[in-house]
Amino acid sequence: MIVLSFIITRRAVGVIVFHLHLYQPQREDPWLEIILPEPSASPYRHWNERVSRECYEPNAELGNYQWVSFDVGPTLMSWLRANKPLVYKALFEADKAGLERWGHGNALAHPYYHVILPLVSRRDRDILVYWGVEYFRRVFKRSPEGMWLPEMAVDLETLEVLADNGVTYTVLTQSQVKGRLAGGPYKVVLPSGRSIAVFVRDEALSNALAFSGFERFGEMLRGVSGDVVVALDGETFGHHIKGGDKMLAQFIQANRDRLGNLGALYEKGYKGEVEIVERTSWSCPHGLGRWSYDCGCDGPAPWREPLRKLIDWVGEVVDKAFVERLGDRGWALLREYIAVVLGGSNDGYTAEELKLLEAQRAKLAANTSDAWFFARVGIEFGIAVKWALRSLELIEDKAVLGEFFNRLRQIAVDGKTAMAFCPGVRGPLLAAAMYLALSTAGAPQERIGPYIVRPINDEFEIVDSRIREVYRFRHDLLWGRTESL
């Protein structure tokens, strides 16, 4: 049986830690907060559904998450909570299982959005990390020990931000530390005088597993001594490699007494001190080029740099409006706004504050790294453009919005311009159209995402509950905003 090749002798290695990075981008429409159909995911409605069916669900059913270290991006975890409660519960229970078995939970935190942290301001990094920590506390009912960095993108300032927010350790790859050490934990001394721990994944073993499956991995593992950290995308097991979920379960069954998690490994103490290689990542040999310019990763992508400049410009514009209208107190409001993002009441905020806070949230979402990852332009590019548009609409500056459209027209993608990714029908107008469609089908629904739709005679009244703004327009869709609550 194939499982026989997975058995590792006691003399070969110490503790084996698998870390699975589970993540999907913010696929929800920025206005409706609903995932619209993605035909490329056929026969499933969208990619979250497809990857869940192929990977998250079978791994949860097999109990694999109980034996590995893992992180789950908040955008994915929120979707699982609403749509796949059994997977959500399995991940929660898996964290508890690690705590009971090894004295430390299996789960690591993750910044709220999958943003290349060294490419945004320190303030934005702090918000993303703080929101990620608070999200983790809400889900797993404990404070996180470690945090996964999106694409392992790192510099010393990012590690300082982790330390600011109580994070003890993170995970890097061998090319990101001087000396190409593996395993860990290793101590990194920060400019502030504080320190943080890093685990360093074994690149050869991790890549062998990610791209070649378990058979080659088992052979390579026999030649390794000491503790081993293997880190890769969790989607490898069932989505990227069909049947990978079952192979992982077989490996776990054959080697349970050799497995551990990162928290338990951290408890064993530092194995030394290392220096990181600044502004590097695990998925681009050009540092952070993949998210900044046409570095050649995955093929020619001349649109990467213009998109980076556009999203950076959007951030500057939104920040300027935010400070002008709210002053420095706005940043404290934004930091605590995670309570509202996680479902709390927004009653304590004015409509103006809510618009600006939502503009900031949309700005951060527009920086999602997936937009730049592939050389081909696809769904992920559109995600960034739409969230950027949403953020600028909320600051209500027509001149700025016009400049945004002009800049989009200058970005050429696949024989068209980036304007093609701006939906003409969006927000309350789309909510009304969906209400009409559902009513025609005999299934009227008053709430469409965050919008509350009320037909009044020959008009619609639509309330955006996020910002407490009211829209009214006639059924013939000649509409205009009339007031704020």
Protein backbone atom coordinates (compact mmCIF):
# COMPACT_ATOMS: atom_id res chain seq x y z
CA MET A 1 0.00 0.00 0.00
CA ILE A 2 1.11 3.57 -0.67
CA VAL A 3 1.06 4.36 3.06
CA LEU A 4 4.10 2.14 3.61
CA SER A 5 6.34 4.67 1.86
CA PHE A 6 5.20 7.31 4.37
CA ILE A 7 6.55 5.61 7.48
CA ILE A 8 9.55 7.51 8.84
CA THR A 9 12.03 5.79 11.14
CA ARG A 10 12.60 7.36 14.56
CA ARG A 11 16.26 7.94 13.71
CA ALA A 12 15.46 10.10 10.69
CA VAL A 13 13.85 13.25 12.08
CA GLY A 14 12.70 14.90 15.28
CA VAL A 15 9.34 16.67 15.19
CA ILE A 16 7.60 17.07 11.83
CA VAL A 17 5.42 20.16 11.57
CA PHE A 18 3.12 20.64 8.61
CA HIS A 19 1.84 24.18 8.24
CA LEU A 20 -1.08 24.65 5.86
CA HIS A 21 -1.90 28.14 4.61
CA LEU A 22 -5.64 28.23 3.85
CA TYR A 23 -6.80 31.27 1.93
CA GLN A 24 -9.17 32.66 -0.67
CA PRO A 25 -9.33 36.34 -1.65
CA GLN A 26 -12.16 38.72 -0.84
CA ARG A 27 -14.41 37.49 -3.66
CA GLU A 28 -17.50 39.29 -2.38
CA ASP A 29 -18.83 42.14 -4.48
CA PRO A 30 -17.76 45.31 -2.61
CA TRP A 31 -21.27 46.76 -2.70
CA LEU A 32 -23.45 43.68 -2.11
CA GLU A 33 -20.93 41.76 0.05
CA ILE A 34 -22.12 38.66 -1.86
CA ILE A 35 -19.99 36.45 -4.11
CA LEU A 36 -21.41 36.73 -7.62
CA PRO A 37 -21.13 33.81 -10.09
CA GLU A 38 -17.61 33.04 -11.38
CA PRO A 39 -18.04 30.97 -14.59
CA SER A 40 -14.39 29.85 -14.55
CA ALA A 41 -15.19 27.80 -11.42
CA SER A 42 -17.75 25.66 -13.28
CA PRO A 43 -19.47 23.38 -12.42
CA TYR A 44 -19.52 25.27 -9.11
CA ARG A 45 -20.99 28.73 -8.64
CA HIS A 46 -17.68 30.30 -7.66
CA TRP A 47 -14.16 29.36 -6.63
CA ASN A 48 -14.83 29.30 -2.90
CA GLU A 49 -17.45 26.62 -3.48
CA ARG A 50 -15.17 24.62 -5.75
CA VAL A 51 -12.09 24.70 -3.53
CA SER A 52 -14.18 23.97 -0.45
CA ARG A 53 -15.68 20.88 -2.06
CA GLU A 54 -12.32 19.66 -3.37
CA CYS A 55 -10.16 20.52 -0.37
CA TYR A 56 -11.53 22.08 2.81
CA GLU A 57 -14.46 19.72 3.27
CA PRO A 58 -12.65 16.41 2.67
CA ASN A 59 -9.69 17.42 4.85
CA ALA A 60 -12.08 18.42 7.62
CA GLU A 61 -13.97 15.13 7.31
CA LEU A 62 -10.70 13.17 7.50
CA GLY A 63 -9.59 15.06 10.61
CA ASN A 64 -6.37 16.24 8.98
CA TYR A 65 -6.48 19.72 10.49
CA GLN A 66 -6.23 18.24 13.98
CA TRP A 67 -2.66 17.11 13.26
CA VAL A 68 -1.18 20.13 11.50
CA SER A 69 -0.41 23.77 12.10
CA PHE A 70 -2.57 26.05 9.94
CA ASP A 71 -3.74 29.58 9.31
CA VAL A 72 -6.99 30.63 7.68
CA GLY A 73 -7.34 34.01 5.99
CA PRO A 74 -10.23 35.93 7.62
CA THR A 75 -11.91 36.46 4.24
CA LEU A 76 -12.10 32.68 3.83
CA MET A 77 -12.96 31.92 7.45
CA SER A 78 -15.89 34.35 7.36
CA TRP A 79 -17.22 32.69 4.22
CA LEU A 80 -16.84 29.24 5.79
CA ARG A 81 -18.71 30.37 8.88
CA ALA A 82 -21.65 31.55 6.78
CA ASN A 83 -21.66 28.81 4.15
CA LYS A 84 -19.74 25.76 5.40
CA PRO A 85 -20.39 25.67 9.15
CA LEU A 86 -19.13 22.09 9.49
CA VAL A 87 -15.72 23.08 8.08
CA TYR A 88 -15.67 26.19 10.28
CA LYS A 89 -16.42 24.05 13.32
CA ALA A 90 -13.80 21.47 12.29
CA LEU A 91 -11.11 24.16 12.17
CA PHE A 92 -12.13 25.48 15.58
CA GLU A 93 -12.08 21.96 17.02
CA ALA A 94 -8.71 21.28 15.34
CA ASP A 95 -7.18 24.23 17.16
CA LYS A 96 -8.52 22.88 20.45
CA ALA A 97 -7.16 19.42 19.63
CA GLY A 98 -3.67 20.85 19.23
CA LEU A 99 -4.00 22.65 22.55
CA GLU A 100 -4.97 19.42 24.29
CA ARG A 101 -2.37 17.25 22.53
CA TRP A 102 0.67 19.53 22.35
CA GLY A 103 -0.15 22.34 24.78
CA HIS A 104 -0.58 24.88 21.98
CA GLY A 105 -3.37 25.51 19.50
CA ASN A 106 -2.84 24.55 15.86
CA ALA A 107 -4.09 27.84 14.41
CA LEU A 108 -2.03 30.93 13.55
CA ALA A 109 -3.53 34.35 12.98
CA HIS A 110 -3.50 36.12 9.62
CA PRO A 111 -3.72 39.84 8.74
CA TYR A 112 -7.32 40.76 8.01
CA TYR A 113 -6.65 41.05 4.27
CA HIS A 114 -4.01 39.22 2.24
CA VAL A 115 -1.89 42.33 1.62
CA ILE A 116 1.85 42.51 0.90
CA LEU A 117 2.61 44.29 4.16
CA PRO A 118 5.99 45.86 3.27
CA LEU A 119 4.28 47.67 0.36
CA VAL A 120 1.80 49.60 2.52
CA SER A 121 2.28 52.20 5.23
CA ARG A 122 3.11 51.26 8.79
CA ARG A 123 -0.30 52.51 9.87
CA ASP A 124 -2.04 50.25 7.34
CA ARG A 125 0.09 47.33 8.47
CA ASP A 126 -0.88 47.97 12.07
CA ILE A 127 -4.58 48.04 11.20
CA LEU A 128 -4.36 44.83 9.15
CA VAL A 129 -2.43 43.00 11.86
CA TYR A 130 -4.56 44.31 14.73
CA TRP A 131 -7.77 43.44 12.89
CA GLY A 132 -6.32 39.99 12.16
CA VAL A 133 -5.50 39.44 15.83
CA GLU A 134 -8.97 40.57 16.92
CA TYR A 135 -10.59 38.36 14.30
CA PHE A 136 -8.57 35.40 15.54
CA ARG A 137 -9.65 36.05 19.12
CA ARG A 138 -13.28 36.16 18.04
CA VAL A 139 -13.05 32.87 16.12
CA PHE A 140 -10.70 30.75 18.24
CA LYS A 141 -11.53 32.20 21.67
CA ARG A 142 -7.88 32.80 22.56
CA SER A 143 -5.01 35.14 21.69
CA PRO A 144 -2.76 34.03 18.84
CA GLU A 145 0.86 33.04 19.36
CA GLY A 146 1.91 33.27 15.72
CA MET A 147 0.82 35.04 12.56
CA TRP A 148 1.22 34.07 8.92
CA LEU A 149 2.51 36.84 6.64
CA PRO A 150 0.79 37.01 3.23
CA GLU A 151 3.21 35.54 0.66
CA MET A 152 5.71 35.55 3.57
CA ALA A 153 6.47 39.13 2.49
CA VAL A 154 8.70 40.56 5.18
CA ASP A 155 10.91 43.38 6.34
CA LEU A 156 12.00 44.47 9.80
CA GLU A 157 9.28 47.08 10.10
CA THR A 158 6.64 44.41 9.47
CA LEU A 159 8.15 42.26 12.22
CA GLU A 160 8.05 45.30 14.52
CA VAL A 161 4.32 45.63 13.80
CA LEU A 162 3.80 41.97 14.68
CA ALA A 163 5.64 42.52 17.96
CA ASP A 164 3.56 45.66 18.63
CA ASN A 165 0.45 43.48 18.45
CA GLY A 166 1.68 40.70 20.71
CA VAL A 167 2.64 38.19 18.02
CA THR A 168 5.40 35.82 19.16
CA TYR A 169 6.46 34.19 15.89
CA THR A 170 5.95 33.90 12.14
CA VAL A 171 7.06 31.61 9.32
CA LEU A 172 9.58 32.36 6.55
CA THR A 173 11.37 30.35 3.89
CA GLN A 174 15.09 29.60 3.63
CA SER A 175 15.89 32.24 1.01
CA GLN A 176 14.58 34.89 3.43
CA VAL A 177 17.15 34.30 6.16
CA LYS A 178 20.89 34.75 5.89
CA GLY A 179 22.65 31.41 5.95
CA ARG A 180 19.62 29.52 4.56
CA LEU A 181 18.95 27.78 7.86
CA ALA A 182 15.79 25.68 8.23
CA GLY A 183 13.57 24.63 11.11
CA GLY A 184 13.75 26.78 14.20
CA PRO A 185 12.61 28.69 16.05
CA TYR A 186 15.27 31.33 15.48
CA LYS A 187 15.53 34.68 17.21
CA VAL A 188 15.41 37.87 15.16
CA VAL A 189 16.55 41.00 17.01
CA LEU A 190 14.54 44.03 15.93
CA PRO A 191 15.72 47.65 15.59
CA SER A 192 13.60 48.54 18.65
CA GLY A 193 15.65 46.13 20.76
CA ARG A 194 12.81 43.67 21.03
CA SER A 195 12.90 40.27 19.36
CA ILE A 196 10.55 37.94 17.52
CA ALA A 197 10.86 34.28 16.58
CA VAL A 198 10.80 32.91 13.05
CA PHE A 199 10.34 29.37 11.87
CA VAL A 200 12.00 28.62 8.54
CA ARG A 201 10.36 26.13 6.26
CA ASP A 202 12.48 23.54 4.46
CA GLU A 203 12.17 24.73 0.86
CA ALA A 204 13.15 21.46 -0.82
CA LEU A 205 10.74 19.38 1.25
CA SER A 206 7.91 21.90 1.03
CA ASN A 207 8.25 22.30 -2.73
CA ALA A 208 8.56 18.55 -3.28
CA LEU A 209 5.28 18.05 -1.46
CA ALA A 210 3.57 20.96 -3.20
CA PHE A 211 4.57 19.98 -6.72
CA SER A 212 5.39 16.27 -6.67
CA GLY A 213 3.16 14.77 -4.00
CA PHE A 214 3.98 12.50 -1.09
CA GLU A 215 6.02 9.76 -2.76
CA ARG A 216 9.09 11.93 -3.41
CA PHE A 217 8.51 13.78 -0.14
CA GLY A 218 8.73 10.57 1.88
CA GLU A 219 11.99 9.60 0.21
CA MET A 220 13.53 13.03 0.86
CA LEU A 221 12.36 13.12 4.47
CA ARG A 222 14.33 9.98 5.29
CA GLY A 223 17.55 11.89 4.64
CA VAL A 224 16.75 14.75 7.02
CA SER A 225 17.74 14.97 10.68
CA GLY A 226 16.34 17.21 13.40
CA ASP A 227 13.02 19.01 13.55
CA VAL A 228 11.36 19.71 10.21
CA VAL A 229 9.00 22.55 9.24
CA VAL A 230 7.07 22.05 6.02
CA ALA A 231 4.84 24.94 4.94
CA LEU A 232 2.71 25.20 1.82
CA ASP A 233 -0.72 26.14 0.55
CA GLY A 234 -3.40 24.04 2.22
CA GLU A 235 -5.22 23.85 -1.11
CA THR A 236 -2.47 21.46 -2.25
CA PHE A 237 -4.32 18.61 -0.57
CA GLY A 238 -7.31 17.94 -2.78
CA HIS A 239 -7.52 21.02 -5.01
CA HIS A 240 -4.06 21.27 -6.58
CA ILE A 241 -3.31 17.56 -6.15
CA LYS A 242 -6.37 15.36 -6.55
CA GLY A 243 -6.50 12.81 -3.76
CA GLY A 244 -3.99 14.81 -1.75
CA ASP A 245 -6.39 14.92 1.19
CA LYS A 246 -6.34 11.13 1.45
CA MET A 247 -2.55 10.99 1.06
CA LEU A 248 -2.15 13.51 3.88
CA ALA A 249 -4.47 11.43 6.07
CA GLN A 250 -2.39 8.32 5.36
CA PHE A 251 0.84 10.13 6.20
CA ILE A 252 -0.66 11.39 9.46
CA GLN A 253 -1.89 7.93 10.39
CA ALA A 254 1.56 6.41 9.78
CA ASN A 255 3.54 9.10 11.63
CA ARG A 256 1.35 10.49 14.41
CA ASP A 257 4.04 10.09 17.04
CA ARG A 258 6.41 12.30 15.01
CA LEU A 259 4.01 15.20 14.43
CA GLY A 260 3.75 18.48 16.32
CA ASN A 261 2.75 22.10 15.82
CA LEU A 262 4.66 25.36 15.78
CA GLY A 263 3.67 26.35 19.31
CA ALA A 264 5.09 23.12 20.72
CA LEU A 265 8.27 23.58 18.71
CA TYR A 266 8.60 27.17 19.99
CA GLU A 267 8.44 25.86 23.54
CA LYS A 268 11.65 23.89 22.94
CA GLY A 269 13.59 27.17 22.74
CA TYR A 270 15.63 29.08 20.19
CA LYS A 271 18.05 27.20 17.97
CA GLY A 272 20.04 30.33 17.33
CA GLU A 273 19.80 33.86 16.01
CA VAL A 274 19.25 34.85 12.38
CA GLU A 275 19.02 37.97 10.25
CA ILE A 276 16.27 38.25 7.69
CA VAL A 277 16.74 39.29 4.06
CA GLU A 278 14.66 42.45 3.83
CA ARG A 279 11.73 42.94 1.43
CA THR A 280 11.53 39.33 0.31
CA SER A 281 8.74 36.78 -0.13
CA TRP A 282 8.32 33.06 -0.72
CA SER A 283 6.77 33.41 -4.18
CA CYS A 284 8.96 35.93 -6.02
CA PRO A 285 12.73 35.59 -6.51
CA HIS A 286 12.82 39.34 -7.22
CA GLY A 287 11.93 40.34 -3.67
CA LEU A 288 8.54 42.04 -3.86
CA GLY A 289 8.64 42.59 -7.61
CA ARG A 290 5.63 40.43 -8.33
CA TRP A 291 3.39 43.03 -6.67
CA SER A 292 5.29 46.12 -7.81
CA TYR A 293 6.46 45.86 -11.42
CA ASP A 294 6.81 43.56 -14.42
CA CYS A 295 9.43 41.32 -12.83
CA GLY A 296 8.84 38.37 -15.16
CA CYS A 297 7.18 36.06 -12.64
CA ASP A 298 4.57 33.90 -14.38
CA GLY A 299 5.27 35.70 -17.69
CA PRO A 300 5.07 39.27 -19.03
CA ALA A 301 2.76 41.54 -17.03
CA PRO A 302 3.33 45.19 -18.04
CA TRP A 303 0.15 46.20 -16.18
CA ARG A 304 1.55 45.30 -12.74
CA GLU A 305 3.39 48.56 -12.09
CA PRO A 306 0.54 50.83 -13.30
CA LEU A 307 -1.91 48.92 -11.09
CA ARG A 308 0.45 49.24 -8.10
CA LYS A 309 0.71 52.99 -8.68
CA LEU A 310 -3.05 53.29 -9.07
CA ILE A 311 -3.85 51.48 -5.83
CA ASP A 312 -1.15 53.46 -4.00
CA TRP A 313 -2.69 56.68 -5.32
CA VAL A 314 -6.15 55.58 -4.16
CA GLY A 315 -4.70 54.98 -0.71
CA GLU A 316 -3.19 58.46 -0.59
CA VAL A 317 -6.45 60.09 -1.66
CA VAL A 318 -8.55 58.17 0.86
CA ASP A 319 -6.10 58.86 3.69
CA LYS A 320 -6.07 62.57 2.86
CA ALA A 321 -9.87 62.81 2.97
CA PHE A 322 -9.95 60.70 6.13
CA VAL A 323 -7.58 62.99 8.04
CA GLU A 324 -9.13 66.22 6.72
CA ARG A 325 -12.60 65.21 7.87
CA LEU A 326 -11.92 63.21 11.04
CA GLY A 327 -8.53 64.46 12.19
CA ASP A 328 -6.10 62.20 14.00
CA ARG A 329 -8.91 60.71 16.09
CA GLY A 330 -9.98 58.88 12.94
CA TRP A 331 -7.13 56.39 13.23
CA ALA A 332 -8.25 55.30 16.69
CA LEU A 333 -11.80 54.92 15.35
CA LEU A 334 -10.49 52.81 12.48
CA ARG A 335 -8.50 50.53 14.75
CA GLU A 336 -11.58 49.73 16.82
CA TYR A 337 -13.88 49.56 13.78
CA ILE A 338 -13.07 45.85 13.54
CA ALA A 339 -15.85 45.34 16.10
CA VAL A 340 -18.34 46.62 13.51
CA VAL A 341 -16.71 44.69 10.67
CA LEU A 342 -17.19 41.54 12.74
CA GLY A 343 -20.90 42.19 13.09
CA GLY A 344 -21.17 44.65 15.96
CA SER A 345 -23.50 47.64 16.01
CA ASN A 346 -22.49 50.82 14.19
CA ASP A 347 -24.93 52.94 16.22
CA GLY A 348 -22.10 54.82 17.93
CA TYR A 349 -20.87 56.36 14.68
CA THR A 350 -22.18 59.22 12.56
CA ALA A 351 -23.02 58.60 8.90
CA GLU A 352 -19.96 60.64 7.89
CA GLU A 353 -17.68 58.58 10.12
CA LEU A 354 -19.11 55.35 8.72
CA LYS A 355 -18.51 56.42 5.13
CA LEU A 356 -14.88 57.23 5.84
CA LEU A 357 -14.29 54.09 7.88
CA GLU A 358 -15.82 51.97 5.13
CA ALA A 359 -13.65 53.83 2.61
CA GLN A 360 -10.61 52.77 4.61
CA ARG A 361 -11.80 49.15 4.75
CA ALA A 362 -12.33 49.13 0.98
CA LYS A 363 -8.92 50.73 0.42
CA LEU A 364 -7.24 47.95 2.38
CA ALA A 365 -9.19 45.28 0.48
CA ALA A 366 -8.07 46.84 -2.82
CA ASN A 367 -4.48 45.96 -1.88
CA THR A 368 -5.23 42.21 -1.88
CA SER A 369 -2.10 40.58 -3.29
CA ASP A 370 -3.92 38.23 -5.70
CA ALA A 371 -4.53 41.11 -8.12
CA TRP A 372 -0.84 41.07 -9.07
CA PHE A 373 0.04 37.41 -8.61
CA PHE A 374 -0.63 35.98 -12.06
CA ALA A 375 0.66 37.41 -15.33
CA ARG A 376 -2.73 36.79 -16.90
CA VAL A 377 -5.43 39.26 -15.96
CA GLY A 378 -8.42 37.61 -14.33
CA ILE A 379 -10.95 37.76 -11.52
CA GLU A 380 -8.33 38.88 -9.01
CA PHE A 381 -7.46 42.03 -10.97
CA GLY A 382 -11.12 42.97 -10.95
CA ILE A 383 -11.34 42.48 -7.19
CA ALA A 384 -8.74 45.21 -6.64
CA VAL A 385 -10.31 47.63 -9.11
CA LYS A 386 -13.80 47.22 -7.65
CA TRP A 387 -12.72 47.70 -4.04
CA ALA A 388 -10.71 50.77 -5.08
CA LEU A 389 -13.78 52.19 -6.82
CA ARG A 390 -15.91 51.50 -3.76
CA SER A 391 -13.42 53.31 -1.52
CA LEU A 392 -13.43 56.43 -3.72
CA GLU A 393 -17.21 56.49 -4.06
CA LEU A 394 -17.46 56.65 -0.29
CA ILE A 395 -15.37 59.82 0.00
CA GLU A 396 -17.77 61.48 -2.47
CA ASP A 397 -15.36 63.57 -4.53
CA LYS A 398 -16.42 63.67 -8.19
CA ALA A 399 -13.10 65.09 -9.36
CA VAL A 400 -11.18 62.28 -7.68
CA LEU A 401 -13.54 59.68 -9.14
CA GLY A 402 -13.05 61.17 -12.61
CA GLU A 403 -9.28 61.00 -12.18
CA PHE A 404 -9.59 57.36 -11.11
CA PHE A 405 -11.44 56.50 -14.31
CA ASN A 406 -8.86 58.39 -16.39
CA ARG A 407 -6.06 56.39 -14.77
CA LEU A 408 -7.92 53.13 -15.37
CA ARG A 409 -8.21 53.96 -19.07
CA GLN A 410 -4.43 54.24 -19.25
CA ILE A 411 -3.88 50.66 -18.02
CA ALA A 412 -3.97 48.30 -20.99
CA VAL A 413 -4.98 44.71 -20.25
CA ASP A 414 -5.67 42.04 -22.87
CA GLY A 415 -6.66 44.42 -25.65
CA LYS A 416 -8.86 46.61 -23.47
CA THR A 417 -8.42 49.01 -20.60
CA ALA A 418 -8.88 48.44 -16.89
CA MET A 419 -12.17 50.35 -17.12
CA ALA A 420 -13.68 47.07 -18.29
CA PHE A 421 -13.50 45.87 -14.68
CA CYS A 422 -15.73 48.67 -13.35
CA PRO A 423 -19.33 47.43 -13.17
CA GLY A 424 -21.81 49.88 -14.68
CA VAL A 425 -24.66 48.61 -12.50
CA ARG A 426 -23.63 48.38 -8.87
CA GLY A 427 -24.62 49.15 -5.32
CA PRO A 428 -28.25 50.07 -4.59
CA LEU A 429 -29.21 49.87 -8.26
CA LEU A 430 -27.99 46.27 -8.45
CA ALA A 431 -29.72 45.48 -5.15
CA ALA A 432 -33.00 46.77 -6.59
CA ALA A 433 -32.53 44.72 -9.76
CA MET A 434 -31.92 41.60 -7.67
CA TYR A 435 -35.00 42.36 -5.58
CA LEU A 436 -37.12 42.62 -8.75
CA ALA A 437 -35.70 39.37 -10.11
CA LEU A 438 -36.42 37.53 -6.85
CA SER A 439 -39.91 39.01 -6.64
CA THR A 440 -40.67 37.97 -10.21
CA ALA A 441 -39.57 34.45 -9.30
CA GLY A 442 -41.98 34.47 -6.36
CA ALA A 443 -39.27 34.75 -3.71
CA PRO A 444 -39.10 38.42 -2.65
CA GLN A 445 -36.24 39.20 -0.30
CA GLU A 446 -36.10 42.52 1.52
CA ARG A 447 -32.43 42.29 2.46
CA ILE A 448 -29.88 42.05 -0.36
CA GLY A 449 -26.51 41.88 1.36
CA PRO A 450 -26.17 45.08 3.42
CA TYR A 451 -29.03 46.78 1.52
CA ILE A 452 -32.59 46.86 2.82
CA VAL A 453 -34.97 47.22 -0.15
CA ARG A 454 -38.48 48.57 0.35
CA PRO A 455 -40.90 49.14 -2.56
CA ILE A 456 -43.07 52.21 -1.95
CA ASN A 457 -45.69 52.78 -4.67
CA ASP A 458 -43.70 53.30 -7.89
CA GLU A 459 -40.40 53.87 -6.07
CA PHE A 460 -37.76 51.93 -4.23
CA GLU A 461 -36.33 53.05 -0.92
CA ILE A 462 -33.00 51.37 -0.27
CA VAL A 463 -30.97 51.70 2.91
CA ASP A 464 -27.26 50.85 2.99
CA SER A 465 -27.00 49.57 6.56
CA ARG A 466 -23.20 49.94 6.60
CA ILE A 467 -23.31 53.72 6.28
CA ARG A 468 -26.99 54.42 7.11
CA GLU A 469 -27.56 56.10 3.77
CA VAL A 470 -30.95 56.13 2.01
CA TYR A 471 -31.42 55.94 -1.76
CA ARG A 472 -34.73 56.47 -3.58
CA PHE A 473 -35.49 55.94 -7.22
CA ARG A 474 -38.36 55.04 -9.48
CA HIS A 475 -38.92 51.58 -10.82
CA ASP A 476 -37.75 52.78 -14.22
CA LEU A 477 -34.30 53.13 -12.56
CA LEU A 478 -34.12 56.92 -12.91
CA TRP A 479 -32.64 57.47 -9.50
CA GLY A 480 -30.62 59.69 -7.26
CA ARG A 481 -29.55 59.78 -3.66
CA THR A 482 -31.77 62.04 -1.62
CA GLU A 483 -30.74 61.93 2.01
CA SER A 484 -28.71 60.37 4.79
CA LEU A 485 -30.26 59.10 8.01
